PDB file of N, CA and C in Angstrom:
ATOM      1  N   MET A   1     -30.745 -28.309  22.094  1.00  0.00           N
ATOM      2  CA  MET A   1     -31.376 -29.195  23.036  1.00  0.00           C
ATOM      3  C   MET A   1     -31.028 -28.734  24.442  1.00  0.00           C
ATOM      4  N   GLU A   2     -32.033 -28.402  25.203  1.00  0.00           N
ATOM      5  CA  GLU A   2     -31.812 -27.890  26.554  1.00  0.00           C
ATOM      6  C   GLU A   2     -32.056 -28.983  27.574  1.00  0.00           C
ATOM      7  N   SER A   3     -31.329 -28.892  28.661  1.00  0.00           N
ATOM      8  CA  SER A   3     -31.573 -29.857  29.731  1.00  0.00           C
ATOM      9  C   SER A   3     -32.792 -29.408  30.532  1.00  0.00           C
ATOM     10  N   ASN A   4     -33.284 -30.269  31.368  1.00  0.00           N
ATOM     11  CA  ASN A   4     -34.500 -29.971  32.112  1.00  0.00           C
ATOM     12  C   ASN A   4     -34.337 -28.828  33.113  1.00  0.00           C
ATOM     13  N   GLY A   5     -33.147 -28.619  33.640  1.00  0.00           N
ATOM     14  CA  GLY A   5     -32.977 -27.611  34.669  1.00  0.00           C
ATOM     15  C   GLY A   5     -32.500 -26.261  34.152  1.00  0.00           C
ATOM     16  N   SER A   6     -32.388 -26.069  32.848  1.00  0.00           N
ATOM     17  CA  SER A   6     -31.792 -24.833  32.360  1.00  0.00           C
ATOM     18  C   SER A   6     -32.814 -23.705  32.243  1.00  0.00           C
ATOM     19  N   TYR A   7     -34.051 -24.004  31.965  1.00  0.00           N
ATOM     20  CA  TYR A   7     -35.118 -23.012  31.818  1.00  0.00           C
ATOM     21  C   TYR A   7     -34.782 -21.936  30.793  1.00  0.00           C
ATOM     22  N   GLY A   8     -34.033 -22.279  29.752  1.00  0.00           N
ATOM     23  CA  GLY A   8     -33.739 -21.349  28.684  1.00  0.00           C
ATOM     24  C   GLY A   8     -32.655 -20.335  28.992  1.00  0.00           C
ATOM     25  N   THR A   9     -31.917 -20.515  30.092  1.00  0.00           N
ATOM     26  CA  THR A   9     -30.857 -19.573  30.411  1.00  0.00           C
ATOM     27  C   THR A   9     -29.557 -20.026  29.768  1.00  0.00           C
ATOM     28  N   SER A  10     -28.654 -19.078  29.592  1.00  0.00           N
ATOM     29  CA  SER A  10     -27.379 -19.410  28.970  1.00  0.00           C
ATOM     30  C   SER A  10     -26.460 -20.076  29.988  1.00  0.00           C
ATOM     31  N   TRP A  11     -25.321 -20.562  29.498  1.00  0.00           N
ATOM     32  CA  TRP A  11     -24.344 -21.214  30.357  1.00  0.00           C
ATOM     33  C   TRP A  11     -23.846 -20.261  31.427  1.00  0.00           C
ATOM     34  N   ALA A  12     -23.558 -18.989  31.039  1.00  0.00           N
ATOM     35  CA  ALA A  12     -23.050 -18.016  32.004  1.00  0.00           C
ATOM     36  C   ALA A  12     -24.089 -17.719  33.083  1.00  0.00           C
ATOM     37  N   ASP A  13     -25.344 -17.661  32.670  1.00  0.00           N
ATOM     38  CA  ASP A  13     -26.388 -17.395  33.658  1.00  0.00           C
ATOM     39  C   ASP A  13     -26.545 -18.557  34.632  1.00  0.00           C
ATOM     40  N   GLN A  14     -26.305 -19.750  34.196  1.00  0.00           N
ATOM     41  CA  GLN A  14     -26.444 -20.905  35.058  1.00  0.00           C
ATOM     42  C   GLN A  14     -25.309 -21.015  36.064  1.00  0.00           C
ATOM     43  N   TRP A  15     -24.085 -20.619  35.685  1.00  0.00           N
ATOM     44  CA  TRP A  15     -22.918 -20.856  36.524  1.00  0.00           C
ATOM     45  C   TRP A  15     -22.373 -19.604  37.195  1.00  0.00           C
ATOM     46  N   ASP A  16     -22.798 -18.433  36.764  1.00  0.00           N
ATOM     47  CA  ASP A  16     -22.310 -17.183  37.355  1.00  0.00           C
ATOM     48  C   ASP A  16     -23.372 -16.692  38.327  1.00  0.00           C
ATOM     49  N   TYR A  17     -23.049 -16.740  39.637  1.00  0.00           N
ATOM     50  CA  TYR A  17     -24.030 -16.365  40.638  1.00  0.00           C
ATOM     51  C   TYR A  17     -23.955 -14.890  41.008  1.00  0.00           C
ATOM     52  N   GLY A  18     -22.885 -14.209  40.623  1.00  0.00           N
ATOM     53  CA  GLY A  18     -22.730 -12.808  40.982  1.00  0.00           C
ATOM     54  C   GLY A  18     -23.441 -11.893  39.992  1.00  0.00           C
ATOM     55  N   PRO A  19     -23.616 -10.640  40.377  1.00  0.00           N
ATOM     56  CA  PRO A  19     -24.258  -9.689  39.463  1.00  0.00           C
ATOM     57  C   PRO A  19     -23.301  -9.324  38.326  1.00  0.00           C
ATOM     58  N   ASP A  20     -23.859  -8.894  37.216  1.00  0.00           N
ATOM     59  CA  ASP A  20     -23.038  -8.462  36.096  1.00  0.00           C
ATOM     60  C   ASP A  20     -22.329  -7.161  36.468  1.00  0.00           C
ATOM     61  N   PRO A  21     -21.066  -7.021  36.101  1.00  0.00           N
ATOM     62  CA  PRO A  21     -20.335  -5.792  36.438  1.00  0.00           C
ATOM     63  C   PRO A  21     -20.858  -4.609  35.637  1.00  0.00           C
ATOM     64  N   GLN A  22     -20.884  -3.460  36.263  1.00  0.00           N
ATOM     65  CA  GLN A  22     -21.330  -2.239  35.600  1.00  0.00           C
ATOM     66  C   GLN A  22     -20.164  -1.639  34.819  1.00  0.00           C
ATOM     67  N   PRO A  23     -20.420  -1.116  33.640  1.00  0.00           N
ATOM     68  CA  PRO A  23     -19.329  -0.501  32.879  1.00  0.00           C
ATOM     69  C   PRO A  23     -18.845   0.764  33.590  1.00  0.00           C
ATOM     70  N   THR A  24     -17.534   0.936  33.608  1.00  0.00           N
ATOM     71  CA  THR A  24     -16.976   2.117  34.258  1.00  0.00           C
ATOM     72  C   THR A  24     -16.865   3.245  33.252  1.00  0.00           C
ATOM     73  N   GLU A  25     -17.085   4.444  33.705  1.00  0.00           N
ATOM     74  CA  GLU A  25     -16.974   5.611  32.846  1.00  0.00           C
ATOM     75  C   GLU A  25     -15.599   6.222  33.028  1.00  0.00           C
ATOM     76  N   THR A  26     -15.018   6.629  31.923  1.00  0.00           N
ATOM     77  CA  THR A  26     -13.719   7.268  32.007  1.00  0.00           C
ATOM     78  C   THR A  26     -13.920   8.723  32.385  1.00  0.00           C
ATOM     79  N   SER A  27     -13.064   9.202  33.247  1.00  0.00           N
ATOM     80  CA  SER A  27     -13.184  10.596  33.660  1.00  0.00           C
ATOM     81  C   SER A  27     -12.570  11.486  32.599  1.00  0.00           C
ATOM     82  N   LYS A  28     -13.271  12.527  32.267  1.00  0.00           N
ATOM     83  CA  LYS A  28     -12.792  13.465  31.258  1.00  0.00           C
ATOM     84  C   LYS A  28     -12.347  14.733  31.966  1.00  0.00           C
ATOM     85  N   THR A  29     -11.088  15.069  31.767  1.00  0.00           N
ATOM     86  CA  THR A  29     -10.571  16.275  32.399  1.00  0.00           C
ATOM     87  C   THR A  29     -10.387  17.348  31.349  1.00  0.00           C
ATOM     88  N   ASN A  30     -10.603  18.553  31.746  1.00  0.00           N
ATOM     89  CA  ASN A  30     -10.397  19.685  30.853  1.00  0.00           C
ATOM     90  C   ASN A  30      -9.003  20.235  31.078  1.00  0.00           C
ATOM     91  N   GLY A  31      -8.364  20.649  30.015  1.00  0.00           N
ATOM     92  CA  GLY A  31      -7.086  21.309  30.184  1.00  0.00           C
ATOM     93  C   GLY A  31      -5.913  20.430  29.877  1.00  0.00           C
ATOM     94  N   GLY A  32      -4.805  20.724  30.558  1.00  0.00           N
ATOM     95  CA  GLY A  32      -3.505  20.161  30.222  1.00  0.00           C
ATOM     96  C   GLY A  32      -3.275  18.772  30.721  1.00  0.00           C
ATOM     97  N   GLY A  33      -2.113  18.579  31.246  1.00  0.00           N
ATOM     98  CA  GLY A  33      -1.708  17.258  31.672  1.00  0.00           C
ATOM     99  C   GLY A  33      -0.746  16.674  30.675  1.00  0.00           C
ATOM    100  N   ALA A  34      -0.105  15.610  31.087  1.00  0.00           N
ATOM    101  CA  ALA A  34       0.903  14.979  30.243  1.00  0.00           C
ATOM    102  C   ALA A  34       0.284  14.400  28.972  1.00  0.00           C
ATOM    103  N   LYS A  35      -0.905  13.844  29.100  1.00  0.00           N
ATOM    104  CA  LYS A  35      -1.547  13.242  27.944  1.00  0.00           C
ATOM    105  C   LYS A  35      -1.824  14.282  26.870  1.00  0.00           C
ATOM    106  N   ALA A  36      -2.353  15.413  27.261  1.00  0.00           N
ATOM    107  CA  ALA A  36      -2.647  16.472  26.301  1.00  0.00           C
ATOM    108  C   ALA A  36      -1.371  16.994  25.667  1.00  0.00           C
ATOM    109  N   LYS A  37      -0.324  17.122  26.470  1.00  0.00           N
ATOM    110  CA  LYS A  37       0.947  17.634  25.978  1.00  0.00           C
ATOM    111  C   LYS A  37       1.530  16.704  24.911  1.00  0.00           C
ATOM    112  N   TYR A  38       1.569  15.420  25.202  1.00  0.00           N
ATOM    113  CA  TYR A  38       2.152  14.483  24.264  1.00  0.00           C
ATOM    114  C   TYR A  38       1.249  14.223  23.068  1.00  0.00           C
ATOM    115  N   SER A  39      -0.054  14.260  23.251  1.00  0.00           N
ATOM    116  CA  SER A  39      -0.934  14.054  22.112  1.00  0.00           C
ATOM    117  C   SER A  39      -0.816  15.211  21.129  1.00  0.00           C
ATOM    118  N   LYS A  40      -0.568  16.409  21.638  1.00  0.00           N
ATOM    119  CA  LYS A  40      -0.353  17.558  20.756  1.00  0.00           C
ATOM    120  C   LYS A  40       0.931  17.368  19.953  1.00  0.00           C
ATOM    121  N   LYS A  41       1.993  16.882  20.618  1.00  0.00           N
ATOM    122  CA  LYS A  41       3.251  16.630  19.912  1.00  0.00           C
ATOM    123  C   LYS A  41       3.083  15.542  18.863  1.00  0.00           C
ATOM    124  N   VAL A  42       2.358  14.501  19.203  1.00  0.00           N
ATOM    125  CA  VAL A  42       2.121  13.416  18.252  1.00  0.00           C
ATOM    126  C   VAL A  42       1.323  13.937  17.070  1.00  0.00           C
ATOM    127  N   GLU A  43       0.314  14.755  17.345  1.00  0.00           N
ATOM    128  CA  GLU A  43      -0.504  15.324  16.276  1.00  0.00           C
ATOM    129  C   GLU A  43       0.340  16.185  15.346  1.00  0.00           C
ATOM    130  N   ASP A  44       1.230  16.995  15.915  1.00  0.00           N
ATOM    131  CA  ASP A  44       2.116  17.821  15.098  1.00  0.00           C
ATOM    132  C   ASP A  44       3.026  16.952  14.245  1.00  0.00           C
ATOM    133  N   GLY A  45       3.558  15.895  14.845  1.00  0.00           N
ATOM    134  CA  GLY A  45       4.425  14.980  14.106  1.00  0.00           C
ATOM    135  C   GLY A  45       3.692  14.288  12.981  1.00  0.00           C
ATOM    136  N   LEU A  46       2.459  13.885  13.222  1.00  0.00           N
ATOM    137  CA  LEU A  46       1.683  13.214  12.186  1.00  0.00           C
ATOM    138  C   LEU A  46       1.339  14.159  11.052  1.00  0.00           C
ATOM    139  N   SER A  47       1.072  15.426  11.364  1.00  0.00           N
ATOM    140  CA  SER A  47       0.766  16.377  10.291  1.00  0.00           C
ATOM    141  C   SER A  47       2.003  16.614   9.436  1.00  0.00           C
ATOM    142  N   LYS A  48       3.189  16.643  10.063  1.00  0.00           N
ATOM    143  CA  LYS A  48       4.426  16.783   9.285  1.00  0.00           C
ATOM    144  C   LYS A  48       4.645  15.543   8.425  1.00  0.00           C
ATOM    145  N   THR A  49       4.400  14.377   8.982  1.00  0.00           N
ATOM    146  CA  THR A  49       4.561  13.137   8.235  1.00  0.00           C
ATOM    147  C   THR A  49       3.604  13.095   7.061  1.00  0.00           C
ATOM    148  N   LYS A  50       2.389  13.548   7.269  1.00  0.00           N
ATOM    149  CA  LYS A  50       1.397  13.573   6.195  1.00  0.00           C
ATOM    150  C   LYS A  50       1.849  14.497   5.080  1.00  0.00           C
ATOM    151  N   ALA A  51       2.388  15.664   5.439  1.00  0.00           N
ATOM    152  CA  ALA A  51       2.846  16.621   4.428  1.00  0.00           C
ATOM    153  C   ALA A  51       3.987  16.030   3.611  1.00  0.00           C
ATOM    154  N   VAL A  52       4.913  15.346   4.265  1.00  0.00           N
ATOM    155  CA  VAL A  52       6.030  14.727   3.560  1.00  0.00           C
ATOM    156  C   VAL A  52       5.528  13.616   2.640  1.00  0.00           C
ATOM    157  N   ALA A  53       4.570  12.839   3.116  1.00  0.00           N
ATOM    158  CA  ALA A  53       4.027  11.749   2.311  1.00  0.00           C
ATOM    159  C   ALA A  53       3.309  12.289   1.074  1.00  0.00           C
ATOM    160  N   VAL A  54       2.556  13.360   1.239  1.00  0.00           N
ATOM    161  CA  VAL A  54       1.838  13.948   0.107  1.00  0.00           C
ATOM    162  C   VAL A  54       2.830  14.464  -0.929  1.00  0.00           C
ATOM    163  N   THR A  55       3.889  15.115  -0.458  1.00  0.00           N
ATOM    164  CA  THR A  55       4.910  15.610  -1.372  1.00  0.00           C
ATOM    165  C   THR A  55       5.571  14.451  -2.114  1.00  0.00           C
ATOM    166  N   GLY A  56       5.877  13.383  -1.401  1.00  0.00           N
ATOM    167  CA  GLY A  56       6.481  12.214  -2.026  1.00  0.00           C
ATOM    168  C   GLY A  56       5.584  11.580  -3.073  1.00  0.00           C
ATOM    169  N   VAL A  57       4.299  11.506  -2.781  1.00  0.00           N
ATOM    170  CA  VAL A  57       3.354  10.923  -3.738  1.00  0.00           C
ATOM    171  C   VAL A  57       3.271  11.789  -4.988  1.00  0.00           C
ATOM    172  N   LYS A  58       3.265  13.104  -4.818  1.00  0.00           N
ATOM    173  CA  LYS A  58       3.223  14.001  -5.975  1.00  0.00           C
ATOM    174  C   LYS A  58       4.466  13.817  -6.839  1.00  0.00           C
ATOM    175  N   LYS A  59       5.636  13.721  -6.195  1.00  0.00           N
ATOM    176  CA  LYS A  59       6.875  13.518  -6.950  1.00  0.00           C
ATOM    177  C   LYS A  59       6.853  12.183  -7.682  1.00  0.00           C
ATOM    178  N   ALA A  60       6.360  11.151  -7.037  1.00  0.00           N
ATOM    179  CA  ALA A  60       6.291   9.838  -7.673  1.00  0.00           C
ATOM    180  C   ALA A  60       5.335   9.864  -8.868  1.00  0.00           C
ATOM    181  N   LYS A  61       4.235  10.577  -8.713  1.00  0.00           N
ATOM    182  CA  LYS A  61       3.259  10.684  -9.799  1.00  0.00           C
ATOM    183  C   LYS A  61       3.861  11.392 -10.999  1.00  0.00           C
ATOM    184  N   VAL A  62       4.573  12.499 -10.753  1.00  0.00           N
ATOM    185  CA  VAL A  62       5.207  13.246 -11.831  1.00  0.00           C
ATOM    186  C   VAL A  62       6.286  12.393 -12.499  1.00  0.00           C
ATOM    187  N   GLY A  63       7.074  11.699 -11.691  1.00  0.00           N
ATOM    188  CA  GLY A  63       8.119  10.842 -12.239  1.00  0.00           C
ATOM    189  C   GLY A  63       7.564   9.704 -13.065  1.00  0.00           C
ATOM    190  N   ALA A  64       6.509   9.083 -12.591  1.00  0.00           N
ATOM    191  CA  ALA A  64       5.899   7.983 -13.331  1.00  0.00           C
ATOM    192  C   ALA A  64       5.294   8.481 -14.630  1.00  0.00           C
ATOM    193  N   SER A  65       4.679   9.639 -14.577  1.00  0.00           N
ATOM    194  CA  SER A  65       4.089  10.222 -15.779  1.00  0.00           C
ATOM    195  C   SER A  65       5.170  10.517 -16.813  1.00  0.00           C
ATOM    196  N   ALA A  66       6.284  11.100 -16.367  1.00  0.00           N
ATOM    197  CA  ALA A  66       7.388  11.390 -17.277  1.00  0.00           C
ATOM    198  C   ALA A  66       7.981  10.103 -17.842  1.00  0.00           C
ATOM    199  N   GLY A  67       8.095   9.079 -17.019  1.00  0.00           N
ATOM    200  CA  GLY A  67       8.627   7.803 -17.482  1.00  0.00           C
ATOM    201  C   GLY A  67       7.735   7.153 -18.520  1.00  0.00           C
ATOM    202  N   ILE A  68       6.446   7.189 -18.305  1.00  0.00           N
ATOM    203  CA  ILE A  68       5.500   6.597 -19.259  1.00  0.00           C
ATOM    204  C   ILE A  68       5.534   7.368 -20.565  1.00  0.00           C
ATOM    205  N   LYS A  69       5.603   8.685 -20.469  1.00  0.00           N
ATOM    206  CA  LYS A  69       5.667   9.506 -21.671  1.00  0.00           C
ATOM    207  C   LYS A  69       6.936   9.186 -22.464  1.00  0.00           C
ATOM    208  N   TRP A  70       8.061   9.004 -21.770  1.00  0.00           N
ATOM    209  CA  TRP A  70       9.334   8.678 -22.425  1.00  0.00           C
ATOM    210  C   TRP A  70       9.240   7.331 -23.127  1.00  0.00           C
ATOM    211  N   ILE A  71       8.619   6.357 -22.446  1.00  0.00           N
ATOM    212  CA  ILE A  71       8.467   5.031 -23.046  1.00  0.00           C
ATOM    213  C   ILE A  71       7.577   5.104 -24.290  1.00  0.00           C
ATOM    214  N   LYS A  72       6.503   5.862 -24.220  1.00  0.00           N
ATOM    215  CA  LYS A  72       5.613   6.005 -25.385  1.00  0.00           C
ATOM    216  C   LYS A  72       6.351   6.625 -26.554  1.00  0.00           C
ATOM    217  N   GLU A  73       7.166   7.640 -26.283  1.00  0.00           N
ATOM    218  CA  GLU A  73       7.932   8.279 -27.347  1.00  0.00           C
ATOM    219  C   GLU A  73       8.908   7.294 -27.980  1.00  0.00           C
ATOM    220  N   LYS A  74       9.595   6.505 -27.151  1.00  0.00           N
ATOM    221  CA  LYS A  74      10.543   5.534 -27.671  1.00  0.00           C
ATOM    222  C   LYS A  74       9.846   4.454 -28.488  1.00  0.00           C
ATOM    223  N   CYS A  75       8.713   3.995 -28.042  1.00  0.00           N
ATOM    224  CA  CYS A  75       7.983   2.958 -28.763  1.00  0.00           C
ATOM    225  C   CYS A  75       7.437   3.494 -30.078  1.00  0.00           C
ATOM    226  N   SER A  76       6.941   4.710 -30.059  1.00  0.00           N
ATOM    227  CA  SER A  76       6.396   5.267 -31.307  1.00  0.00           C
ATOM    228  C   SER A  76       7.507   5.542 -32.306  1.00  0.00           C
ATOM    229  N   LYS A  77       8.695   5.909 -31.868  1.00  0.00           N
ATOM    230  CA  LYS A  77       9.816   6.132 -32.782  1.00  0.00           C
ATOM    231  C   LYS A  77      10.246   4.821 -33.426  1.00  0.00           C
ATOM    232  N   THR A  78      10.294   3.731 -32.647  1.00  0.00           N
ATOM    233  CA  THR A  78      10.724   2.458 -33.208  1.00  0.00           C
ATOM    234  C   THR A  78       9.683   1.902 -34.163  1.00  0.00           C
ATOM    235  N   THR A  79       8.409   2.102 -33.872  1.00  0.00           N
ATOM    236  CA  THR A  79       7.363   1.595 -34.774  1.00  0.00           C
ATOM    237  C   THR A  79       7.315   2.420 -36.053  1.00  0.00           C
ATOM    238  N   GLN A  80       7.587   3.708 -35.965  1.00  0.00           N
ATOM    239  CA  GLN A  80       7.610   4.544 -37.161  1.00  0.00           C
ATOM    240  C   GLN A  80       8.783   4.177 -38.059  1.00  0.00           C
ATOM    241  N   LYS A  81       9.936   3.854 -37.470  1.00  0.00           N
ATOM    242  CA  LYS A  81      11.099   3.477 -38.259  1.00  0.00           C
ATOM    243  C   LYS A  81      10.860   2.142 -38.962  1.00  0.00           C
ATOM    244  N   GLN A  82      10.192   1.228 -38.296  1.00  0.00           N
ATOM    245  CA  GLN A  82       9.959  -0.086 -38.871  1.00  0.00           C
ATOM    246  C   GLN A  82       8.935  -0.018 -39.994  1.00  0.00           C
ATOM    247  N   SER A  83       7.957   0.839 -39.883  1.00  0.00           N
ATOM    248  CA  SER A  83       6.911   0.902 -40.890  1.00  0.00           C
ATOM    249  C   SER A  83       7.369   1.645 -42.141  1.00  0.00           C
ATOM    250  N   ASN A  84       8.398   2.464 -42.086  1.00  0.00           N
ATOM    251  CA  ASN A  84       8.858   3.214 -43.250  1.00  0.00           C
ATOM    252  C   ASN A  84       9.652   2.391 -44.159  1.00  0.00           C
TER     253      ASN A  84
END
């Protein structure tokens, strides 16, 4: 329900008399600088972290597989003894 004086405009259009702000563009610089230097270090650190995580996941997978296999062997031995 609109009031008589709104003419279909939104609340901001009715109460904001100034122009809408223009979006600012970020300046892109080529080359070095502190940001590039530290982002390279962070990238190197993240790649090392990723490598360690992948190695850890592989070890966990192998360990879990060995554990499940051990449990299956133990369960099959007990069921074979009971059935004989």
